[in-house]
Amino acid sequence: MDFGKEFALFMLFVQRWRVVMVRSQPKVSVIVAVYNGAQYLAQCLDSLINQTLAEIQIIIVNDGSTDRSASIIEHYCEQFPHRCKQVILSKRSGLSCARNMGMSKAKGEFIGFLDSHCYAHSTMFEKLHYTATSENSDMAFCHLTQASTIAANKHYDRVDISTHYLNVFITNKIFRRSVIEKNKVFFFPNTEFEDQAFNYLISSYANSVAYVEDFLLFYRQKEKISDERHEHLTKMSDMLLLLMKDMEYRGILEKNKSKMLEYIAHHALTSSYSSSAYRDTSAFILFLFGLVKKYNLRDSKKSKASTYVIQRFYDVSRNPILRFSNYFMVNSSRRMMKLRHNMA
């Protein structure tokens, strides 16, 4: 008997069996929504193809791109058909719709997301999956690096603001698919900061969150033009209000009030480091304070850092100078009228 030939046939069988298992039972489905992302797309997809986790499903959603993105996606799907799946949207539908479509195609035990201008360390999803499953957690997250946000490395007295940014990203996390589907969690369409809303919602349903200390996600921060900076806080306000209404509708706000208060306090803190005009920042902080009052959010006994953040938020919100200056600068503006109408 030729044992060498028998062994070669056995290894070929094992390899084909692994391909079948990856197709039918991936451990993690990673969704990449693409709109005109040709510049960094190949680096992004290479980082997923080279993951040490064999059982990975890569879902690439082409959201009506008009650049070379389509040809790049087709190349990877042809070269790696056992890992890559393409979803084509005939016209641009927006990041939320693209991600929602990707989730509907996911087969993995967990779901992750990666932006087309970012890339992952080769061990990222293996480590996240191992940590989540070994700790029986519905979520797992890791550190990210090269996030060039204005406030990313700032400190406000004793509070590290980078912790807030670590918590609101979704691309450094994986989420248990059964929890997403059971609770019908999706990305709000036509909404900015939809990733933060998704993260807040799913974390409210998760039994626990596992933590990987390594820096495994490499994130590029897109530059914002002046008009986008001007509208930044208004869009953030819209997202937070929509999120609070949705949590109230779902019946999960009551048990998560302390968590939402902490999130809101962090938003107020980070806004003080933004490049927005003072009048926009003051209007935003007053809006947040109104949100706390409207939904009767309560403080709770958290860590010293969290308690300090919340206390600083209350101190700033009650500042009479803030209210006085805001009255003369933005009281008559259309945006402030919209925020006050939302609080009614």
Protein backbone atom coordinates (compact mmCIF):
# COMPACT_ATOMS: atom_id res chain seq x y z
CA MET A 1 0.00 0.00 0.00
CA ASP A 2 1.32 3.44 -0.92
CA PHE A 3 0.96 5.27 2.41
CA GLY A 4 2.25 8.50 0.90
CA LYS A 5 -0.53 8.54 -1.68
CA GLU A 6 -3.14 7.57 0.91
CA PHE A 7 -2.00 10.38 3.19
CA ALA A 8 -2.10 12.92 0.34
CA LEU A 9 -5.67 11.88 -0.49
CA PHE A 10 -6.62 12.13 3.18
CA MET A 11 -5.19 15.67 3.44
CA LEU A 12 -7.05 16.66 0.26
CA PHE A 13 -10.26 15.37 1.83
CA VAL A 14 -9.58 17.35 5.03
CA GLN A 15 -8.91 20.53 3.03
CA ARG A 16 -12.14 20.17 1.06
CA TRP A 17 -14.06 19.36 4.24
CA ARG A 18 -12.74 22.56 5.85
CA VAL A 19 -13.91 24.58 2.83
CA VAL A 20 -17.39 23.06 3.13
CA MET A 21 -17.48 23.80 6.86
CA VAL A 22 -16.41 27.41 6.28
CA ARG A 23 -19.19 27.83 3.75
CA SER A 24 -21.88 26.35 5.95
CA GLN A 25 -20.75 27.17 9.50
CA PRO A 26 -18.52 30.25 9.70
CA LYS A 27 -17.58 31.36 13.18
CA VAL A 28 -17.55 35.05 12.25
CA SER A 29 -19.20 36.94 9.39
CA VAL A 30 -17.44 40.24 8.65
CA ILE A 31 -19.44 42.86 6.74
CA VAL A 32 -17.61 45.45 4.65
CA ALA A 33 -19.85 48.19 3.24
CA VAL A 34 -18.16 49.91 0.31
CA TYR A 35 -18.94 53.18 -1.40
CA ASN A 36 -16.15 54.53 -3.63
CA GLY A 37 -13.52 53.05 -1.34
CA ALA A 38 -11.04 51.91 -3.99
CA GLN A 39 -8.07 53.72 -2.44
CA TYR A 40 -7.75 51.42 0.59
CA LEU A 41 -10.13 48.57 -0.28
CA ALA A 42 -7.47 46.05 -1.31
CA GLN A 43 -5.60 46.53 1.97
CA CYS A 44 -8.85 46.08 3.88
CA LEU A 45 -9.79 42.86 2.07
CA ASP A 46 -6.23 41.48 2.25
CA SER A 47 -6.36 41.86 6.02
CA LEU A 48 -9.54 39.76 6.10
CA ILE A 49 -8.34 37.11 3.66
CA ASN A 50 -5.22 36.65 5.78
CA GLN A 51 -7.06 36.18 9.06
CA THR A 52 -5.81 33.27 11.15
CA LEU A 53 -9.44 32.36 11.80
CA ALA A 54 -10.21 29.88 9.02
CA GLU A 55 -13.98 29.82 9.55
CA ILE A 56 -14.67 33.38 8.43
CA GLN A 57 -17.27 34.71 6.01
CA ILE A 58 -16.49 38.01 4.27
CA ILE A 59 -19.59 39.84 3.02
CA ILE A 60 -18.74 42.79 0.78
CA VAL A 61 -21.66 45.13 0.07
CA ASN A 62 -21.08 47.40 -2.91
CA ASP A 63 -23.30 50.38 -2.18
CA GLY A 64 -23.54 51.73 -5.72
CA SER A 65 -19.85 52.65 -6.07
CA THR A 66 -18.84 54.60 -9.16
CA ASP A 67 -15.05 54.16 -8.86
CA ARG A 68 -12.89 51.03 -9.20
CA SER A 69 -14.40 49.41 -6.10
CA ALA A 70 -16.61 47.03 -8.10
CA SER A 71 -13.70 45.52 -10.04
CA ILE A 72 -11.64 45.12 -6.85
CA ILE A 73 -14.52 43.33 -5.13
CA GLU A 74 -15.07 41.04 -8.11
CA HIS A 75 -11.38 40.12 -8.13
CA TYR A 76 -11.42 39.03 -4.49
CA CYS A 77 -14.67 37.11 -4.86
CA GLU A 78 -13.25 35.23 -7.85
CA GLN A 79 -9.94 34.49 -6.13
CA PHE A 80 -11.45 33.50 -2.77
CA PRO A 81 -14.97 32.20 -3.47
CA HIS A 82 -15.02 30.09 -0.29
CA ARG A 83 -14.55 33.20 1.88
CA CYS A 84 -15.89 36.21 -0.01
CA LYS A 85 -19.50 36.95 -0.92
CA GLN A 86 -20.52 40.04 -2.87
CA VAL A 87 -23.81 41.88 -2.42
CA ILE A 88 -24.55 44.54 -5.04
CA LEU A 89 -26.88 47.47 -4.45
CA SER A 90 -27.87 49.04 -7.77
CA LYS A 91 -27.88 52.55 -6.34
CA ARG A 92 -26.42 54.14 -3.27
CA SER A 93 -28.61 53.37 -0.25
CA GLY A 94 -26.37 54.59 2.57
CA LEU A 95 -24.12 52.90 5.11
CA SER A 96 -26.97 51.75 7.35
CA CYS A 97 -28.89 50.00 4.56
CA ALA A 98 -25.69 48.42 3.24
CA ARG A 99 -24.81 47.00 6.66
CA ASN A 100 -28.38 45.83 7.24
CA MET A 101 -28.29 44.03 3.92
CA GLY A 102 -24.99 42.44 4.86
CA MET A 103 -26.39 41.22 8.18
CA SER A 104 -29.28 39.54 6.38
CA LYS A 105 -26.72 37.41 4.50
CA ALA A 106 -24.58 36.55 7.52
CA LYS A 107 -24.23 32.91 8.58
CA GLY A 108 -21.60 33.25 11.29
CA GLU A 109 -22.01 32.64 15.00
CA PHE A 110 -20.81 36.23 15.45
CA ILE A 111 -20.98 39.30 13.22
CA GLY A 112 -18.26 41.91 12.82
CA PHE A 113 -17.88 45.04 10.72
CA LEU A 114 -14.92 46.63 8.98
CA ASP A 115 -14.81 49.95 7.13
CA SER A 116 -13.29 49.82 3.66
CA HIS A 117 -10.66 52.42 4.60
CA CYS A 118 -9.49 50.43 7.65
CA TYR A 119 -7.77 47.10 8.14
CA ALA A 120 -7.45 44.41 10.79
CA HIS A 121 -4.53 42.59 12.37
CA SER A 122 -4.30 39.02 11.12
CA THR A 123 -5.30 37.60 14.52
CA MET A 124 -8.11 40.05 15.28
CA PHE A 125 -11.16 37.90 14.66
CA GLU A 126 -9.61 34.70 15.98
CA LYS A 127 -8.80 36.42 19.28
CA LEU A 128 -12.18 38.12 19.50
CA HIS A 129 -14.03 34.88 18.79
CA TYR A 130 -11.92 32.83 21.19
CA THR A 131 -12.38 35.37 23.99
CA ALA A 132 -16.13 35.71 23.43
CA THR A 133 -16.76 31.98 23.35
CA SER A 134 -14.44 31.09 26.22
CA GLU A 135 -16.15 33.69 28.43
CA ASN A 136 -19.62 32.90 27.02
CA SER A 137 -20.11 36.58 26.11
CA ASP A 138 -22.44 38.06 23.50
CA MET A 139 -19.88 40.71 22.57
CA ALA A 140 -16.10 41.07 22.48
CA PHE A 141 -13.96 44.08 21.68
CA CYS A 142 -10.30 45.00 21.25
CA HIS A 143 -8.24 48.18 21.17
CA LEU A 144 -7.83 50.23 18.01
CA THR A 145 -4.95 52.40 16.91
CA GLN A 146 -4.24 55.36 14.63
CA ALA A 147 -7.66 56.90 15.33
CA SER A 148 -6.98 60.53 14.52
CA THR A 149 -10.09 61.96 16.15
CA ILE A 150 -9.61 65.37 17.72
CA ALA A 151 -10.60 64.20 21.18
CA ALA A 152 -9.18 60.69 20.95
CA ASN A 153 -6.13 61.32 23.12
CA LYS A 154 -7.39 64.21 25.24
CA HIS A 155 -7.78 64.04 29.00
CA TYR A 156 -10.35 65.99 30.96
CA ASP A 157 -8.90 66.21 34.47
CA ARG A 158 -8.94 62.56 35.62
CA VAL A 159 -10.98 61.10 32.75
CA ASP A 160 -9.44 59.36 29.72
CA ILE A 161 -11.69 60.30 26.80
CA SER A 162 -10.18 57.58 24.60
CA THR A 163 -12.21 55.06 26.63
CA HIS A 164 -15.40 56.67 25.28
CA TYR A 165 -14.23 56.32 21.69
CA LEU A 166 -13.26 52.71 22.34
CA ASN A 167 -16.81 51.99 23.50
CA VAL A 168 -18.71 53.66 20.65
CA PHE A 169 -16.88 52.07 17.70
CA ILE A 170 -18.38 48.90 16.21
CA THR A 171 -15.46 47.94 13.95
CA ASN A 172 -13.37 46.77 16.94
CA LYS A 173 -16.07 44.33 18.09
CA ILE A 174 -17.97 41.17 17.28
CA PHE A 175 -21.62 40.60 18.20
CA ARG A 176 -23.48 37.32 18.66
CA ARG A 177 -25.77 36.94 15.65
CA SER A 178 -28.56 35.19 17.56
CA VAL A 179 -28.84 38.19 19.92
CA ILE A 180 -29.06 40.58 16.96
CA GLU A 181 -31.75 38.52 15.23
CA LYS A 182 -33.75 37.69 18.36
CA ASN A 183 -34.04 41.35 19.35
CA LYS A 184 -34.30 42.71 15.78
CA VAL A 185 -31.40 45.12 16.19
CA PHE A 186 -30.52 46.99 13.00
CA PHE A 187 -28.87 50.20 11.86
CA PHE A 188 -31.16 53.23 11.77
CA PRO A 189 -31.53 54.25 8.11
CA ASN A 190 -30.76 57.80 6.98
CA THR A 191 -29.09 58.58 10.29
CA GLU A 192 -25.57 59.77 11.06
CA PHE A 193 -23.67 58.03 13.89
CA GLU A 194 -25.75 54.94 13.23
CA ASP A 195 -22.87 52.78 14.46
CA GLN A 196 -23.08 54.30 17.92
CA ALA A 197 -26.84 53.74 18.10
CA PHE A 198 -26.36 50.11 17.05
CA ASN A 199 -23.66 49.63 19.65
CA TYR A 200 -25.79 51.12 22.45
CA LEU A 201 -28.74 48.91 21.52
CA ILE A 202 -26.92 45.62 21.22
CA SER A 203 -24.94 46.22 24.41
CA SER A 204 -28.26 46.65 26.21
CA TYR A 205 -29.22 43.10 25.22
CA ALA A 206 -25.79 41.45 25.63
CA ASN A 207 -25.32 39.20 28.65
CA SER A 208 -21.70 40.32 29.03
CA VAL A 209 -18.85 41.88 27.06
CA ALA A 210 -15.43 40.23 26.73
CA TYR A 211 -12.25 42.26 26.37
CA VAL A 212 -9.08 41.66 24.34
CA GLU A 213 -6.23 43.91 25.44
CA ASP A 214 -4.38 43.90 22.12
CA PHE A 215 -4.47 46.70 19.52
CA LEU A 216 -5.92 44.79 16.57
CA LEU A 217 -7.85 47.35 14.49
CA PHE A 218 -6.13 49.99 12.38
CA TYR A 219 -8.55 52.83 11.81
CA ARG A 220 -8.31 55.78 9.44
CA GLN A 221 -10.32 58.84 10.41
CA LYS A 222 -11.83 60.55 7.39
CA GLU A 223 -11.32 64.29 7.23
CA LYS A 224 -14.43 66.39 7.70
CA ILE A 225 -15.10 69.54 5.74
CA SER A 226 -16.19 72.67 7.57
CA ASP A 227 -19.89 72.20 6.79
CA GLU A 228 -19.77 68.68 8.21
CA ARG A 229 -18.13 69.93 11.38
CA HIS A 230 -20.84 72.57 11.72
CA GLU A 231 -23.60 69.94 11.48
CA HIS A 232 -21.78 67.35 13.59
CA LEU A 233 -23.52 68.07 16.89
CA THR A 234 -26.94 68.49 15.32
CA LYS A 235 -26.71 65.05 13.71
CA MET A 236 -25.47 63.61 16.98
CA SER A 237 -28.51 65.11 18.71
CA ASP A 238 -30.84 63.52 16.16
CA MET A 239 -29.23 60.11 16.68
CA LEU A 240 -29.42 60.27 20.48
CA LEU A 241 -33.05 61.32 20.45
CA LEU A 242 -33.96 58.54 17.99
CA LEU A 243 -32.06 56.05 20.12
CA MET A 244 -33.82 57.06 23.33
CA LYS A 245 -37.23 56.80 21.64
CA ASP A 246 -36.38 53.37 20.25
CA MET A 247 -35.14 52.08 23.61
CA GLU A 248 -38.31 53.37 25.25
CA TYR A 249 -40.43 51.65 22.57
CA ARG A 250 -38.51 48.39 23.08
CA GLY A 251 -39.03 48.58 26.83
CA ILE A 252 -35.32 48.45 27.64
CA LEU A 253 -34.71 52.05 28.66
CA GLU A 254 -35.71 51.67 32.30
CA LYS A 255 -33.04 49.09 33.13
CA ASN A 256 -30.39 50.94 31.11
CA LYS A 257 -30.92 54.48 32.39
CA SER A 258 -27.65 54.62 34.31
CA LYS A 259 -25.74 53.38 31.26
CA MET A 260 -27.39 55.95 28.99
CA LEU A 261 -26.67 58.73 31.48
CA GLU A 262 -23.01 57.79 31.36
CA TYR A 263 -23.02 57.75 27.53
CA ILE A 264 -24.66 61.18 27.42
CA ALA A 265 -22.22 62.58 29.95
CA HIS A 266 -19.31 61.35 27.83
CA HIS A 267 -20.83 62.99 24.74
CA ALA A 268 -21.05 66.28 26.58
CA LEU A 269 -17.45 65.93 27.72
CA THR A 270 -16.06 65.11 24.27
CA SER A 271 -18.03 67.91 22.61
CA SER A 272 -15.98 70.41 24.60
CA TYR A 273 -12.94 69.28 22.59
CA SER A 274 -14.63 69.42 19.20
CA SER A 275 -13.89 72.05 16.56
CA SER A 276 -17.51 73.23 16.56
CA ALA A 277 -18.37 76.81 17.43
CA TYR A 278 -19.09 77.62 21.06
CA ARG A 279 -22.73 78.35 20.33
CA ASP A 280 -23.14 74.87 18.77
CA THR A 281 -21.43 73.21 21.71
CA SER A 282 -23.50 75.07 24.28
CA ALA A 283 -26.72 74.23 22.44
CA PHE A 284 -25.68 70.58 22.31
CA ILE A 285 -24.92 70.40 26.04
CA LEU A 286 -28.25 71.99 26.90
CA PHE A 287 -29.95 69.52 24.57
CA LEU A 288 -28.30 66.63 26.40
CA PHE A 289 -29.36 68.01 29.75
CA GLY A 290 -32.92 68.27 28.41
CA LEU A 291 -32.70 64.66 27.24
CA VAL A 292 -31.74 63.55 30.74
CA LYS A 293 -34.70 65.41 32.21
CA LYS A 294 -37.16 64.20 29.56
CA TYR A 295 -36.39 60.52 30.14
CA ASN A 296 -35.71 60.86 33.86
CA LEU A 297 -32.30 59.27 33.68
CA ARG A 298 -30.87 58.50 37.09
CA ASP A 299 -27.36 58.41 38.40
CA SER A 300 -25.98 55.18 39.77
CA LYS A 301 -23.00 53.99 41.79
CA LYS A 302 -20.42 53.36 39.12
CA SER A 303 -16.64 53.58 39.14
CA LYS A 304 -15.01 56.77 40.38
CA ALA A 305 -14.19 57.82 36.82
CA SER A 306 -17.78 57.34 35.64
CA THR A 307 -19.19 59.16 38.67
CA TYR A 308 -16.78 62.00 38.02
CA VAL A 309 -17.79 62.26 34.35
CA ILE A 310 -21.47 62.43 35.30
CA GLN A 311 -20.82 65.00 38.00
CA ARG A 312 -18.84 67.20 35.60
CA PHE A 313 -21.70 66.96 33.12
CA TYR A 314 -24.18 68.17 35.72
CA ASP A 315 -21.82 70.98 36.76
CA VAL A 316 -21.44 72.21 33.18
CA SER A 317 -25.13 71.85 32.35
CA ARG A 318 -26.14 73.95 35.36
CA ASN A 319 -23.64 76.67 34.63
CA PRO A 320 -25.62 79.95 34.46
CA ILE A 321 -23.05 81.47 32.10
CA LEU A 322 -23.70 78.65 29.62
CA ARG A 323 -27.45 79.28 29.69
CA PHE A 324 -27.07 83.07 29.52
CA SER A 325 -24.68 83.02 26.56
CA ASN A 326 -26.72 80.38 24.79
CA TYR A 327 -29.87 82.52 25.07
CA PHE A 328 -28.30 85.41 23.15
CA MET A 329 -26.34 83.35 20.64
CA VAL A 330 -28.64 80.53 19.54
CA ASN A 331 -32.09 81.07 21.04
CA SER A 332 -33.54 82.25 17.75
CA SER A 333 -31.64 79.87 15.43
CA ARG A 334 -33.50 77.24 13.46
CA ARG A 335 -31.40 74.44 14.91
CA MET A 336 -32.05 75.41 18.50
CA MET A 337 -35.76 75.65 17.77
CA LYS A 338 -35.61 72.11 16.40
CA LEU A 339 -33.87 70.82 19.51
CA ARG A 340 -36.38 72.50 21.80
CA HIS A 341 -39.26 71.09 19.74
CA ASN A 342 -37.77 67.60 20.15
CA MET A 343 -37.70 68.06 23.91
CA ALA A 344 -41.38 68.99 24.06
